[in-house]
Structures are given as C-alpha cells and as structure tokens.
Amino acid sequence: MKAWNLGWVVIKMPGPDYERLMYYMCNMLYFQHEITRKFGDLQLDNLDAEIILNRPWEEN
C-alpha cells in the first residue's frame, strides 16, 4: 500500500517534493523492517520478482 501511495504521489506531483518523497520512502522502509523483524525475510519463487522488489532499497 505504501509503495502504491508513493507511485501515486510521484505521478501527480507538478514538481519534486523531496520531503513528501522521503516521508513515503521512510514509511516503506519502516514497514519492511517491521515485517522482517516479525516474520523473517520474504522469499519469492521468482528471482526476477525478488530483484524488482529489492532494487529500490539497493539503489537508495
């Protein structure tokens, strides 16, 4: 849901609002950390899907 919100904000923004982008990125990182802490790492059956999901965190 947080990733969807980030995508929606980026599409609708007339110019870069870095504070709002940082807010959504921090929210996604926080929830990813909480899910990992409670349930462990997420492992998908498809390596391409894992690469796509992890790419934003590796690049930032």
Protein backbone atom coordinates (compact mmCIF):
# COMPACT_ATOMS: atom_id res chain seq x y z
CA MET A 1 0.00 0.00 0.00
CA LYS A 2 2.84 2.39 0.84
CA ALA A 3 4.55 1.68 -2.49
CA TRP A 4 1.28 2.39 -4.30
CA ASN A 5 0.93 5.69 -2.42
CA LEU A 6 4.49 6.64 -3.36
CA GLY A 7 3.81 5.89 -7.03
CA TRP A 8 0.59 7.90 -6.94
CA VAL A 9 2.32 10.92 -5.37
CA VAL A 10 5.17 10.84 -7.90
CA ILE A 11 2.73 10.71 -10.83
CA LYS A 12 0.57 13.58 -9.53
CA MET A 13 3.41 15.90 -8.42
CA PRO A 14 3.92 19.00 -10.55
CA GLY A 15 7.49 19.27 -9.26
CA PRO A 16 9.71 17.27 -6.92
CA ASP A 17 8.53 17.44 -3.32
CA TYR A 18 11.51 15.84 -1.64
CA GLU A 19 10.06 15.97 1.87
CA ARG A 20 6.98 14.02 0.82
CA LEU A 21 9.06 11.51 -1.16
CA MET A 22 11.33 10.98 1.85
CA TYR A 23 8.28 10.50 4.07
CA TYR A 24 6.91 7.71 1.86
CA MET A 25 10.32 6.07 1.46
CA CYS A 26 10.84 6.08 5.23
CA ASN A 27 7.38 4.61 5.77
CA MET A 28 8.08 1.80 3.33
CA LEU A 29 11.46 1.09 4.94
CA TYR A 30 9.89 1.08 8.40
CA PHE A 31 7.17 -1.38 7.42
CA GLN A 32 9.68 -3.58 5.60
CA HIS A 33 11.81 -3.62 8.76
CA GLU A 34 8.82 -4.48 10.96
CA ILE A 35 7.69 -7.31 8.66
CA THR A 36 11.24 -8.69 8.55
CA ARG A 37 11.54 -8.44 12.33
CA LYS A 38 8.24 -10.21 12.97
CA PHE A 39 8.10 -12.79 10.20
CA GLY A 40 11.58 -13.02 8.67
CA ASP A 41 12.69 -12.29 5.13
CA LEU A 42 10.31 -12.66 2.24
CA GLN A 43 11.39 -15.24 -0.31
CA LEU A 44 9.55 -15.43 -3.61
CA ASP A 45 9.53 -18.31 -6.09
CA ASN A 46 10.60 -15.99 -8.89
CA LEU A 47 14.10 -14.48 -8.78
CA ASP A 48 13.08 -11.65 -11.12
CA ALA A 49 10.31 -10.61 -8.72
CA GLU A 50 12.76 -10.53 -5.81
CA ILE A 51 15.16 -8.39 -7.83
CA ILE A 52 12.38 -5.93 -8.74
CA LEU A 53 11.19 -5.65 -5.12
CA ASN A 54 14.68 -5.17 -3.69
CA ARG A 55 16.06 -2.81 -6.34
CA PRO A 56 14.78 0.45 -4.72
CA TRP A 57 16.41 -0.44 -1.40
CA GLU A 58 19.71 -1.43 -3.03
CA GLU A 59 19.91 1.72 -5.14
CA ASN A 60 18.98 4.09 -2.30
